[in-house]
Amino acid sequence: MAKKSEKVEEAIEKALWKSADKLRKNINAAEYKDVVLGLIFLKYISLAFEKKHAELTSEINQGADPEDRDEYKAENIFFVPPSARWSFLQNSAKQPTIGKIVDDGMDAIEAENSQLKGILPKVYAKQNLDPTSLGELIDLIGNINFGETKERSADVLGHVFEFFLGQFALAEGQKGGQFYTPRSVVELLVEMLEPYKGRVFDPCCGSGGMFVHSEKFVTEHQGRINDISIYGQESNQTTWRLAKMNLAIRGIDSSQVKWNSEGSFLNDAHKDLKADYIIANPPFNVSDWGGDLLRKDARWEYGVPPVGNANFGWLQHFIHHLAPMGQAGVVLAKGALTSKTSGEGEIRKRLIEEGLIDCIVNLPAKLFLNTQIPAALWFLRRKKVPNPKYRDTTNEILFIDARNLGYLINRRNRELSNGEKDPADNDIGLIASTYHNWRNVDGQYEDIAGFCASVSVERVTELDYVLTPGRYVGLPDEEDDFNFEERFAALKTELEEQLKDELELNEKIKINLEKILK
């Protein structure tokens, strides 16, 4: 079972979300996200600042100066000017001008801390944000203090920020999925890759979840955080700001997380980077990616990707940035496993023949917030350079079919379990340990019918370079006597649920249109 403190945290996070969501009234989730997360960030940096300020105040007789900016800079603490300190804002929470007071505070913090320039939201004086509700929200966040020490409170604020990111993504639905990769998918990628040491790169980094979980992985395994460094790029400026705040609240150096509107293909912010780990969830099947302008790009070592789909452009972009012993774990639309459109089949063939593909994991449906497109994980490794930790799997590919794993958190969305609630129920651990046992020199691996199979490249060649795991793992032993009626009934129930969701959505649209027309 989960630890008592973890259960308490989870309960408080949910209660906080429920209370905060009640206060948003006529503001949509996309706008309200900046309001709430900006305040949580402000509370975090004030917490760290006030702790150091109190320490320096106690040392005034020894020559310390609590208002000396350099004292804070030396310990990577943001300097918070008096007009932006949480105590001042909370004391001003009942003022009718609280929105302007917070906006001015955000400006003052940016003026004092160059690394936050252009990052913080200044949205609090907007007319649709009720000053009374804003004041109540400030009081709500101001009371976050779950531990006896300020260090403990700061850690919990990081969890709250991450939890709220996920809740806002759920509230926004499809649009939310553009900035947030579901936590269980991120955990699975990180657990499989095990990024203990080196450079971690995500060229479509969203709100920075891959980096947060990479650092969390190192900490949980008693590693040294300073042994990894992160590099990222994001084309959506609002999402990039979220990433910078998400990383700052965790104390993670985000100086190499870059933004430009052109994106990674047209304006690669890390052209010379060779990463030890690449962890990414690029947008699926993007047609408007600038492929017509990049027909002779040096990254297309294994074939020129089609103008109308970026999937194999992303794969080759990742491979281009891998160090000689580098590894990548990425999410792609399942269609990339079989597609032959516009030369995609030839590129996949080259990747297989060059021994770059290590493992393919077929994911369950409904994991992603922004799409119902089936997805799979691709794990890539430069096998030509021997790694003493791993077997020589140059002529093998591991296929894992995880379609039947996970559990529904609502009618639309599914998660993979991680063993926190029940150690015996750990989808992520099962998939990751299967990969590690197959890959590692000391691993104990066996094929499991219906779940995993280690397949020779020759066999993949016989099946025309198709990488769908179901083609190779077969049916589970207990499903050899396939029950058509049971499977049909299950599919019928799922279809009925989808139709019900669509009817509910159409009804909401109808009601909103009637309101507008009135």
Protein backbone atom coordinates (compact mmCIF):
# COMPACT_ATOMS: atom_id res chain seq x y z
CA MET A 1 0.00 0.00 0.00
CA ALA A 2 1.05 3.62 -0.52
CA LYS A 3 2.69 5.41 2.36
CA LYS A 4 0.37 7.35 4.68
CA SER A 5 1.98 10.70 3.77
CA GLU A 6 1.45 9.99 0.06
CA LYS A 7 -2.24 9.27 0.66
CA VAL A 8 -2.62 12.48 2.68
CA GLU A 9 -0.88 14.45 -0.08
CA GLU A 10 -3.16 12.97 -2.72
CA ALA A 11 -6.28 13.80 -0.70
CA ILE A 12 -5.13 17.38 -0.11
CA GLU A 13 -4.24 17.87 -3.77
CA LYS A 14 -7.73 16.74 -4.81
CA ALA A 15 -9.38 18.96 -2.19
CA LEU A 16 -7.26 21.92 -3.33
CA TRP A 17 -8.22 21.34 -6.95
CA LYS A 18 -11.90 21.11 -6.08
CA SER A 19 -11.75 24.36 -4.11
CA ALA A 20 -9.72 26.21 -6.74
CA ASP A 21 -11.96 25.01 -9.57
CA LYS A 22 -15.03 26.36 -7.76
CA LEU A 23 -13.50 29.84 -7.83
CA ARG A 24 -13.01 30.08 -11.60
CA LYS A 25 -16.67 30.84 -12.37
CA ASN A 26 -16.86 32.28 -15.91
CA ILE A 27 -13.19 31.71 -16.80
CA ASN A 28 -12.34 28.77 -19.04
CA ALA A 29 -9.74 26.22 -17.94
CA ALA A 30 -7.14 27.40 -20.47
CA GLU A 31 -7.10 30.93 -19.01
CA TYR A 32 -7.49 29.85 -15.41
CA LYS A 33 -4.48 27.56 -15.74
CA ASP A 34 -2.16 30.58 -15.95
CA VAL A 35 -3.87 32.24 -12.98
CA VAL A 36 -3.56 29.27 -10.61
CA LEU A 37 -0.17 27.93 -11.68
CA GLY A 38 1.31 31.43 -11.61
CA LEU A 39 0.22 31.83 -7.99
CA ILE A 40 1.55 28.41 -6.98
CA PHE A 41 4.88 29.36 -8.54
CA LEU A 42 4.87 32.70 -6.72
CA LYS A 43 4.16 30.94 -3.42
CA TYR A 44 7.06 28.55 -4.08
CA ILE A 45 9.70 31.19 -4.79
CA SER A 46 8.48 33.26 -1.82
CA LEU A 47 8.85 30.22 0.42
CA ALA A 48 12.48 29.68 -0.63
CA PHE A 49 13.23 33.41 -0.42
CA GLU A 50 11.66 33.86 3.03
CA LYS A 51 13.64 30.95 4.46
CA LYS A 52 16.93 32.49 3.29
CA HIS A 53 15.77 35.98 4.32
CA ALA A 54 15.11 34.78 7.88
CA GLU A 55 18.51 33.10 7.99
CA LEU A 56 20.27 36.30 6.87
CA THR A 57 18.22 38.42 9.28
CA SER A 58 19.47 36.29 12.18
CA GLU A 59 23.04 36.95 11.02
CA ILE A 60 22.83 40.75 10.69
CA ASN A 61 25.19 41.16 13.66
CA GLN A 62 27.74 39.15 11.67
CA GLY A 63 27.48 41.49 8.69
CA ALA A 64 24.75 39.68 6.70
CA ASP A 65 22.34 41.76 4.61
CA PRO A 66 18.86 40.22 4.02
CA GLU A 67 18.32 42.54 1.01
CA ASP A 68 21.59 41.69 -0.76
CA ARG A 69 20.65 40.11 -4.10
CA ASP A 70 23.97 38.27 -4.36
CA GLU A 71 23.27 36.29 -1.17
CA TYR A 72 20.30 34.67 -2.90
CA LYS A 73 21.91 34.31 -6.30
CA ALA A 74 24.80 32.37 -4.75
CA GLU A 75 22.34 29.66 -3.65
CA ASN A 76 20.15 29.69 -6.79
CA ILE A 77 17.27 31.33 -4.94
CA PHE A 78 15.14 33.89 -6.76
CA PHE A 79 15.20 37.34 -5.15
CA VAL A 80 11.63 38.45 -4.35
CA PRO A 81 11.17 42.23 -3.87
CA PRO A 82 8.89 43.45 -1.05
CA SER A 83 5.93 44.19 -3.37
CA ALA A 84 5.87 40.56 -4.58
CA ARG A 85 6.43 38.67 -1.33
CA TRP A 86 3.65 36.27 -0.49
CA SER A 87 3.02 37.83 2.91
CA PHE A 88 2.39 41.20 1.22
CA LEU A 89 0.08 39.69 -1.41
CA GLN A 90 -1.90 37.70 1.15
CA ASN A 91 -2.33 40.81 3.31
CA SER A 92 -3.62 42.61 0.19
CA ALA A 93 -5.92 39.77 -0.91
CA LYS A 94 -9.14 41.60 0.09
CA GLN A 95 -8.23 44.77 -1.81
CA PRO A 96 -10.36 45.51 -4.93
CA THR A 97 -7.10 46.17 -6.81
CA ILE A 98 -5.54 42.80 -5.92
CA GLY A 99 -5.31 41.86 -9.63
CA LYS A 100 -3.06 44.82 -10.42
CA ILE A 101 -1.06 44.23 -7.23
CA VAL A 102 -0.26 40.66 -8.34
CA ASP A 103 0.58 41.72 -11.92
CA ASP A 104 2.92 44.41 -10.57
CA GLY A 105 4.50 41.81 -8.30
CA MET A 106 5.15 39.51 -11.27
CA ASP A 107 6.79 42.41 -13.14
CA ALA A 108 8.95 43.20 -10.11
CA ILE A 109 10.16 39.59 -9.84
CA GLU A 110 11.09 39.50 -13.54
CA ALA A 111 12.98 42.77 -13.15
CA GLU A 112 15.08 41.25 -10.34
CA ASN A 113 15.65 37.83 -11.94
CA SER A 114 16.75 37.88 -15.57
CA GLN A 115 16.19 34.11 -16.00
CA LEU A 116 12.46 34.66 -15.39
CA LYS A 117 12.12 37.50 -17.91
CA GLY A 118 9.01 36.96 -20.03
CA ILE A 119 8.07 33.78 -18.14
CA LEU A 120 5.55 34.82 -15.49
CA PRO A 121 1.85 35.39 -16.26
CA LYS A 122 0.50 38.93 -15.92
CA VAL A 123 -3.20 38.14 -16.24
CA TYR A 124 -4.58 38.99 -12.81
CA ALA A 125 -6.11 42.40 -13.56
CA LYS A 126 -8.30 41.08 -16.40
CA GLN A 127 -11.96 42.05 -16.16
CA ASN A 128 -13.25 38.47 -16.21
CA LEU A 129 -11.25 37.61 -13.07
CA ASP A 130 -13.33 38.61 -10.07
CA PRO A 131 -11.13 40.31 -7.38
CA THR A 132 -12.99 38.53 -4.58
CA SER A 133 -12.42 35.12 -6.15
CA LEU A 134 -8.76 35.99 -6.76
CA GLY A 135 -8.35 36.96 -3.11
CA GLU A 136 -9.93 33.68 -2.00
CA LEU A 137 -7.60 31.78 -4.32
CA ILE A 138 -4.56 33.55 -2.84
CA ASP A 139 -5.72 32.59 0.66
CA LEU A 140 -6.30 28.99 -0.48
CA ILE A 141 -2.79 28.64 -1.95
CA GLY A 142 -1.28 30.59 0.92
CA ASN A 143 -2.40 27.92 3.34
CA ILE A 144 -0.48 25.13 1.57
CA ASN A 145 1.93 23.92 4.24
CA PHE A 146 1.83 20.17 4.68
CA GLY A 147 5.02 19.64 6.59
CA GLU A 148 6.83 20.88 9.64
CA THR A 149 9.72 22.24 7.60
CA LYS A 150 9.76 24.72 4.75
CA GLU A 151 11.76 22.25 2.68
CA ARG A 152 8.89 19.78 2.98
CA SER A 153 6.36 22.46 1.98
CA ALA A 154 8.41 23.36 -1.08
CA ASP A 155 8.48 19.72 -2.17
CA VAL A 156 4.72 19.46 -1.76
CA LEU A 157 4.22 22.63 -3.82
CA GLY A 158 6.07 20.87 -6.63
CA HIS A 159 3.62 17.96 -6.40
CA VAL A 160 0.66 20.36 -6.35
CA PHE A 161 1.95 22.15 -9.46
CA GLU A 162 2.33 18.84 -11.31
CA PHE A 163 -1.08 17.58 -10.13
CA PHE A 164 -2.77 20.80 -11.26
CA LEU A 165 -1.08 20.58 -14.67
CA GLY A 166 -2.71 17.19 -15.13
CA GLN A 167 -6.10 18.37 -13.89
CA PHE A 168 -6.09 21.37 -16.21
CA ALA A 169 -5.12 19.11 -19.09
CA LEU A 170 -8.13 16.90 -18.30
CA ALA A 171 -10.38 19.97 -18.02
CA GLU A 172 -9.19 21.30 -21.39
CA GLY A 173 -9.49 17.92 -23.12
CA GLN A 174 -7.92 17.92 -26.57
CA LYS A 175 -6.22 21.30 -26.14
CA GLY A 176 -4.81 20.21 -22.79
CA GLY A 177 -3.05 17.28 -24.40
CA GLN A 178 -0.89 19.71 -26.35
CA PHE A 179 1.05 20.75 -23.25
CA TYR A 180 0.77 17.66 -21.06
CA THR A 181 1.82 14.04 -21.58
CA PRO A 182 -0.11 11.81 -19.13
CA ARG A 183 1.94 11.01 -16.07
CA SER A 184 1.77 7.23 -16.48
CA VAL A 185 3.18 7.44 -20.03
CA VAL A 186 6.05 9.65 -18.85
CA GLU A 187 6.77 7.32 -15.93
CA LEU A 188 6.88 4.33 -18.27
CA LEU A 189 9.33 6.01 -20.68
CA VAL A 190 11.61 7.08 -17.83
CA GLU A 191 11.48 3.70 -16.03
CA MET A 192 12.39 1.89 -19.24
CA LEU A 193 15.27 4.20 -20.20
CA GLU A 194 16.68 4.70 -16.66
CA PRO A 195 18.40 8.08 -17.24
CA TYR A 196 20.91 7.97 -14.37
CA LYS A 197 23.67 10.05 -15.89
CA GLY A 198 24.23 12.27 -18.93
CA ARG A 199 22.32 14.66 -21.20
CA VAL A 200 18.52 14.30 -21.39
CA PHE A 201 16.87 15.89 -24.42
CA ASP A 202 13.23 16.52 -25.38
CA PRO A 203 12.84 18.57 -28.58
CA CYS A 204 9.06 18.95 -28.11
CA CYS A 205 9.06 19.31 -24.34
CA GLY A 206 5.56 20.64 -23.57
CA SER A 207 5.32 21.58 -19.89
CA GLY A 208 8.52 19.70 -18.98
CA GLY A 209 7.10 16.49 -17.53
CA MET A 210 9.82 14.30 -19.07
CA PHE A 211 12.51 16.32 -17.28
CA VAL A 212 10.70 16.36 -13.92
CA HIS A 213 10.30 12.59 -13.93
CA SER A 214 13.88 12.01 -15.10
CA GLU A 215 15.19 13.96 -12.11
CA LYS A 216 12.68 12.23 -9.83
CA PHE A 217 13.91 8.86 -11.10
CA VAL A 218 17.51 9.70 -10.25
CA THR A 219 16.54 10.91 -6.76
CA GLU A 220 14.42 7.85 -6.00
CA HIS A 221 17.29 5.56 -6.97
CA GLN A 222 19.80 7.39 -4.74
CA GLY A 223 21.58 8.90 -7.72
CA ARG A 224 23.08 12.38 -7.98
CA ILE A 225 20.86 15.01 -9.59
CA ASN A 226 23.91 16.93 -10.80
CA ASP A 227 24.90 13.93 -12.91
CA ILE A 228 22.19 14.73 -15.46
CA SER A 229 21.60 17.89 -17.47
CA ILE A 230 18.52 18.74 -19.49
CA TYR A 231 18.01 20.22 -22.95
CA GLY A 232 14.66 21.04 -24.49
CA GLN A 233 12.78 22.98 -27.11
CA GLU A 234 9.15 24.07 -27.43
CA SER A 235 7.40 26.05 -30.17
CA ASN A 236 4.36 27.19 -28.16
CA GLN A 237 5.42 30.12 -26.01
CA THR A 238 2.67 29.71 -23.40
CA THR A 239 3.58 26.04 -22.97
CA TRP A 240 7.28 26.93 -22.77
CA ARG A 241 6.50 29.34 -19.92
CA LEU A 242 4.70 26.54 -18.09
CA ALA A 243 7.76 24.33 -18.57
CA LYS A 244 10.10 26.98 -17.17
CA MET A 245 7.90 27.42 -14.09
CA ASN A 246 7.44 23.66 -13.67
CA LEU A 247 11.21 23.15 -13.68
CA ALA A 248 12.00 26.16 -11.49
CA ILE A 249 9.58 24.95 -8.82
CA ARG A 250 11.58 21.71 -8.75
CA GLY A 251 14.91 23.53 -8.60
CA ILE A 252 15.88 22.14 -12.02
CA ASP A 253 18.16 24.21 -14.23
CA SER A 254 16.12 25.14 -17.33
CA SER A 255 18.67 27.40 -19.01
CA GLN A 256 18.90 25.00 -21.97
CA VAL A 257 15.12 24.73 -22.46
CA LYS A 258 14.61 26.97 -25.48
CA TRP A 259 11.66 28.52 -27.26
CA ASN A 260 11.23 29.63 -30.84
CA SER A 261 8.05 29.75 -32.91
CA GLU A 262 9.55 27.85 -35.86
CA GLY A 263 10.00 24.62 -33.90
CA SER A 264 12.66 21.90 -33.87
CA PHE A 265 12.56 21.05 -37.57
CA LEU A 266 12.95 24.55 -39.02
CA ASN A 267 15.00 26.10 -36.21
CA ASP A 268 16.83 23.44 -34.21
CA ALA A 269 17.90 25.17 -30.97
CA HIS A 270 20.45 22.47 -30.14
CA LYS A 271 22.06 21.70 -33.50
CA ASP A 272 25.29 20.32 -32.07
CA LEU A 273 23.82 18.38 -29.15
CA LYS A 274 24.44 14.65 -28.90
CA ALA A 275 22.21 13.38 -26.12
CA ASP A 276 22.57 10.31 -23.94
CA TYR A 277 18.81 10.04 -23.55
CA ILE A 278 15.98 11.38 -25.68
CA ILE A 279 12.49 11.18 -24.19
CA ALA A 280 9.70 12.72 -26.25
CA ASN A 281 6.03 12.76 -27.19
CA PRO A 282 5.86 14.65 -30.49
CA PRO A 283 2.45 15.62 -31.92
CA PHE A 284 0.99 12.75 -33.96
CA ASN A 285 0.79 12.77 -37.77
CA VAL A 286 1.55 16.50 -38.17
CA SER A 287 1.13 17.58 -41.81
CA ASP A 288 2.18 21.24 -41.48
CA TRP A 289 5.76 20.76 -40.28
CA GLY A 290 7.81 22.50 -42.96
CA GLY A 291 8.84 19.30 -44.71
CA ASP A 292 8.66 20.97 -48.14
CA LEU A 293 11.48 23.32 -47.05
CA LEU A 294 13.75 20.53 -45.79
CA ARG A 295 13.99 18.06 -48.64
CA LYS A 296 17.80 17.99 -48.55
CA ASP A 297 18.27 18.21 -44.78
CA ALA A 298 21.27 16.32 -43.35
CA ARG A 299 19.07 14.70 -40.69
CA TRP A 300 17.33 12.45 -43.24
CA GLU A 301 20.05 9.80 -43.18
CA TYR A 302 17.58 6.94 -43.64
CA GLY A 303 15.24 8.51 -46.18
CA VAL A 304 13.40 11.77 -46.84
CA PRO A 305 10.16 11.88 -44.78
CA PRO A 306 6.93 12.78 -46.60
CA VAL A 307 5.82 16.40 -46.68
CA GLY A 308 2.38 15.41 -45.36
CA ASN A 309 3.46 13.59 -42.18
CA ALA A 310 6.22 14.40 -39.66
CA ASN A 311 6.38 11.00 -37.89
CA PHE A 312 9.52 9.74 -39.65
CA GLY A 313 10.97 13.24 -39.57
CA TRP A 314 10.73 13.11 -35.78
CA LEU A 315 12.33 9.66 -35.62
CA GLN A 316 15.30 10.79 -37.68
CA HIS A 317 15.58 14.06 -35.75
CA PHE A 318 15.90 11.99 -32.56
CA ILE A 319 18.47 9.63 -34.08
CA HIS A 320 20.47 12.60 -35.39
CA HIS A 321 20.79 13.90 -31.83
CA LEU A 322 21.78 10.60 -30.18
CA ALA A 323 25.28 10.22 -28.74
CA PRO A 324 27.29 7.11 -29.86
CA MET A 325 25.87 5.14 -26.90
CA GLY A 326 22.63 7.12 -26.74
CA GLN A 327 19.10 5.78 -26.26
CA ALA A 328 15.67 7.19 -27.12
CA GLY A 329 12.15 6.43 -25.95
CA VAL A 330 9.42 8.19 -27.91
CA VAL A 331 5.68 8.09 -28.51
CA LEU A 332 4.34 7.86 -32.06
CA ALA A 333 0.99 7.18 -33.68
CA LYS A 334 0.54 3.46 -34.19
CA GLY A 335 0.21 3.95 -37.94
CA ALA A 336 3.97 4.52 -38.15
CA LEU A 337 4.46 0.81 -37.37
CA THR A 338 2.92 -0.25 -40.69
CA SER A 339 2.66 2.78 -43.00
CA LYS A 340 4.17 2.60 -46.50
CA THR A 341 2.89 5.99 -47.65
CA SER A 342 5.32 8.27 -49.50
CA GLY A 343 8.42 6.26 -48.65
CA GLU A 344 7.70 5.73 -44.93
CA GLY A 345 7.98 1.95 -45.37
CA GLU A 346 11.46 2.33 -46.87
CA ILE A 347 12.62 4.52 -43.96
CA ARG A 348 11.29 2.00 -41.43
CA LYS A 349 13.06 -0.78 -43.35
CA ARG A 350 16.38 1.10 -43.15
CA LEU A 351 15.99 1.70 -39.41
CA ILE A 352 15.35 -2.02 -38.87
CA GLU A 353 18.24 -3.14 -41.08
CA GLU A 354 20.62 -0.68 -39.40
CA GLY A 355 19.78 -2.20 -36.00
CA LEU A 356 18.47 1.03 -34.51
CA ILE A 357 15.14 -0.27 -33.21
CA ASP A 358 15.39 -1.93 -29.82
CA CYS A 359 11.84 -2.35 -28.62
CA ILE A 360 8.24 -1.54 -29.60
CA VAL A 361 5.46 -1.27 -26.99
CA ASN A 362 1.83 -1.27 -28.12
CA LEU A 363 -0.07 1.03 -25.72
CA PRO A 364 -3.67 0.76 -24.48
CA ALA A 365 -6.35 3.02 -25.94
CA LYS A 366 -7.55 6.20 -24.18
CA LEU A 367 -4.22 7.07 -22.52
CA PHE A 368 -3.91 10.45 -24.22
CA LEU A 369 -6.04 13.51 -23.59
CA ASN A 370 -5.81 15.14 -27.00
CA THR A 371 -6.34 12.21 -29.36
CA GLN A 372 -7.99 8.82 -29.70
CA ILE A 373 -5.36 7.80 -32.28
CA PRO A 374 -3.76 4.49 -31.16
CA ALA A 375 -0.15 4.97 -30.05
CA ALA A 376 3.02 2.97 -29.51
CA LEU A 377 6.39 3.54 -27.87
CA TRP A 378 9.58 3.21 -29.93
CA PHE A 379 12.88 2.55 -28.14
CA LEU A 380 15.95 3.30 -30.23
CA ARG A 381 19.58 2.49 -29.45
CA ARG A 382 22.83 2.91 -31.32
CA LYS A 383 23.83 -0.75 -31.03
CA LYS A 384 26.91 -0.43 -33.25
CA VAL A 385 28.84 0.89 -30.24
CA PRO A 386 28.96 -1.92 -27.62
CA ASN A 387 27.66 -1.10 -24.15
CA PRO A 388 28.98 -3.41 -21.39
CA LYS A 389 25.65 -3.24 -19.51
CA TYR A 390 23.59 -4.58 -22.42
CA ARG A 391 23.44 -7.77 -24.48
CA ASP A 392 24.20 -7.60 -28.18
CA THR A 393 20.67 -7.43 -29.57
CA THR A 394 21.63 -6.10 -32.99
CA ASN A 395 19.62 -8.79 -34.80
CA GLU A 396 16.65 -8.79 -32.40
CA ILE A 397 13.68 -6.57 -31.60
CA LEU A 398 11.57 -6.91 -28.46
CA PHE A 399 7.81 -6.56 -28.98
CA ILE A 400 5.49 -5.87 -26.01
CA ASP A 401 1.73 -5.78 -26.43
CA ALA A 402 0.32 -3.77 -23.50
CA ARG A 403 -3.09 -3.05 -25.01
CA ASN A 404 -4.93 -4.89 -22.23
CA LEU A 405 -3.17 -3.12 -19.36
CA GLY A 406 -4.27 -0.02 -17.46
CA TYR A 407 -7.53 1.05 -15.83
CA LEU A 408 -10.19 3.66 -16.60
CA ILE A 409 -10.10 6.87 -14.53
CA ASN A 410 -13.27 8.07 -16.29
CA ARG A 411 -15.20 7.07 -19.41
CA ARG A 412 -12.72 8.80 -21.72
CA ASN A 413 -9.33 8.25 -20.12
CA ARG A 414 -7.16 5.36 -18.98
CA GLU A 415 -3.96 5.19 -16.90
CA LEU A 416 -1.24 2.60 -16.41
CA SER A 417 -0.87 1.54 -12.78
CA ASN A 418 2.49 2.07 -11.04
CA GLY A 419 2.12 -0.01 -7.88
CA GLU A 420 1.55 2.96 -5.54
CA LYS A 421 -1.95 1.88 -4.54
CA ASP A 422 -1.25 -1.84 -4.75
CA PRO A 423 2.29 -3.24 -5.25
CA ALA A 424 0.78 -6.27 -7.00
CA ASP A 425 -0.84 -3.98 -9.58
CA ASN A 426 2.07 -2.40 -11.44
CA ASP A 427 1.66 -2.14 -15.22
CA ILE A 428 4.66 0.18 -15.55
CA GLY A 429 6.90 -2.14 -13.54
CA LEU A 430 5.81 -5.16 -15.58
CA ILE A 431 6.58 -3.51 -18.94
CA ALA A 432 9.86 -1.94 -17.77
CA SER A 433 11.18 -5.10 -16.11
CA THR A 434 10.35 -7.12 -19.24
CA TYR A 435 12.47 -4.73 -21.30
CA HIS A 436 15.32 -4.70 -18.77
CA ASN A 437 15.40 -8.50 -18.48
CA TRP A 438 15.61 -8.76 -22.26
CA ARG A 439 18.18 -5.98 -22.70
CA ASN A 440 20.51 -6.31 -19.69
CA VAL A 441 23.45 -8.70 -19.57
CA ASP A 442 22.24 -10.26 -16.31
CA GLY A 443 18.55 -10.30 -17.29
CA GLN A 444 16.28 -13.36 -17.13
CA TYR A 445 13.93 -13.06 -20.10
CA GLU A 446 11.29 -15.39 -21.53
CA ASP A 447 8.65 -14.84 -24.21
CA ILE A 448 5.09 -14.68 -22.84
CA ALA A 449 2.34 -15.57 -25.28
CA GLY A 450 0.06 -12.60 -25.88
CA PHE A 451 2.38 -10.14 -24.11
CA CYS A 452 6.01 -10.16 -25.27
CA ALA A 453 8.28 -11.76 -27.85
CA SER A 454 11.93 -11.37 -28.81
CA VAL A 455 11.95 -11.56 -32.61
CA SER A 456 14.80 -11.84 -35.10
CA VAL A 457 15.23 -9.16 -37.75
CA GLU A 458 14.94 -11.97 -40.31
CA ARG A 459 11.41 -12.72 -39.06
CA VAL A 460 10.48 -9.02 -39.22
CA THR A 461 11.82 -8.96 -42.78
CA GLU A 462 9.59 -11.91 -43.67
CA LEU A 463 6.57 -9.91 -42.48
CA ASP A 464 7.55 -7.00 -44.74
CA TYR A 465 9.08 -4.85 -41.95
CA VAL A 466 5.78 -4.40 -40.11
CA LEU A 467 6.38 -3.55 -36.41
CA THR A 468 2.94 -4.17 -34.89
CA PRO A 469 3.55 -6.19 -31.68
CA GLY A 470 0.33 -8.19 -32.12
CA ARG A 471 1.82 -9.80 -35.24
CA TYR A 472 4.60 -11.36 -33.16
CA VAL A 473 3.40 -12.00 -29.61
CA GLY A 474 0.38 -14.13 -30.59
CA LEU A 475 -2.59 -14.82 -28.33
CA PRO A 476 -2.31 -15.55 -24.61
CA ASP A 477 -2.50 -19.25 -23.79
CA GLU A 478 -5.89 -18.79 -22.14
CA GLU A 479 -7.21 -17.11 -25.31
CA ASP A 480 -6.34 -19.90 -27.70
CA ASP A 481 -10.05 -20.78 -27.63
CA PHE A 482 -11.03 -17.25 -28.76
CA ASN A 483 -14.55 -16.37 -27.55
CA PHE A 484 -16.14 -14.34 -30.33
CA GLU A 485 -19.32 -13.54 -28.39
CA GLU A 486 -17.39 -12.13 -25.40
CA ARG A 487 -15.13 -9.98 -27.59
CA PHE A 488 -18.11 -8.70 -29.62
CA ALA A 489 -20.01 -7.78 -26.43
CA ALA A 490 -16.98 -5.86 -25.09
CA LEU A 491 -16.57 -3.92 -28.34
CA LYS A 492 -20.32 -3.18 -28.40
CA THR A 493 -20.17 -1.74 -24.86
CA GLU A 494 -17.18 0.46 -25.75
CA LEU A 495 -18.95 1.77 -28.86
CA GLU A 496 -22.08 2.57 -26.84
CA GLU A 497 -19.95 4.57 -24.35
CA GLN A 498 -18.36 6.56 -27.18
CA LEU A 499 -21.77 7.32 -28.72
CA LYS A 500 -23.07 8.43 -25.31
CA ASP A 501 -20.11 10.82 -24.93
CA GLU A 502 -20.76 12.26 -28.40
CA LEU A 503 -24.47 12.78 -27.63
CA GLU A 504 -23.59 14.57 -24.38
CA LEU A 505 -21.14 16.81 -26.24
CA ASN A 506 -23.70 17.62 -28.95
CA GLU A 507 -26.25 18.51 -26.29
CA LYS A 508 -23.78 20.90 -24.61
CA ILE A 509 -23.01 22.55 -27.95
CA LYS A 510 -26.74 22.93 -28.63
CA ILE A 511 -27.33 24.58 -25.22
CA ASN A 512 -24.40 26.98 -25.71
CA LEU A 513 -25.62 27.95 -29.19
CA GLU A 514 -29.10 28.64 -27.83
CA LYS A 515 -27.59 30.90 -25.16
CA ILE A 516 -25.56 32.80 -27.77
CA LEU A 517 -28.56 33.22 -30.09
CA LYS A 518 -30.67 34.61 -27.24
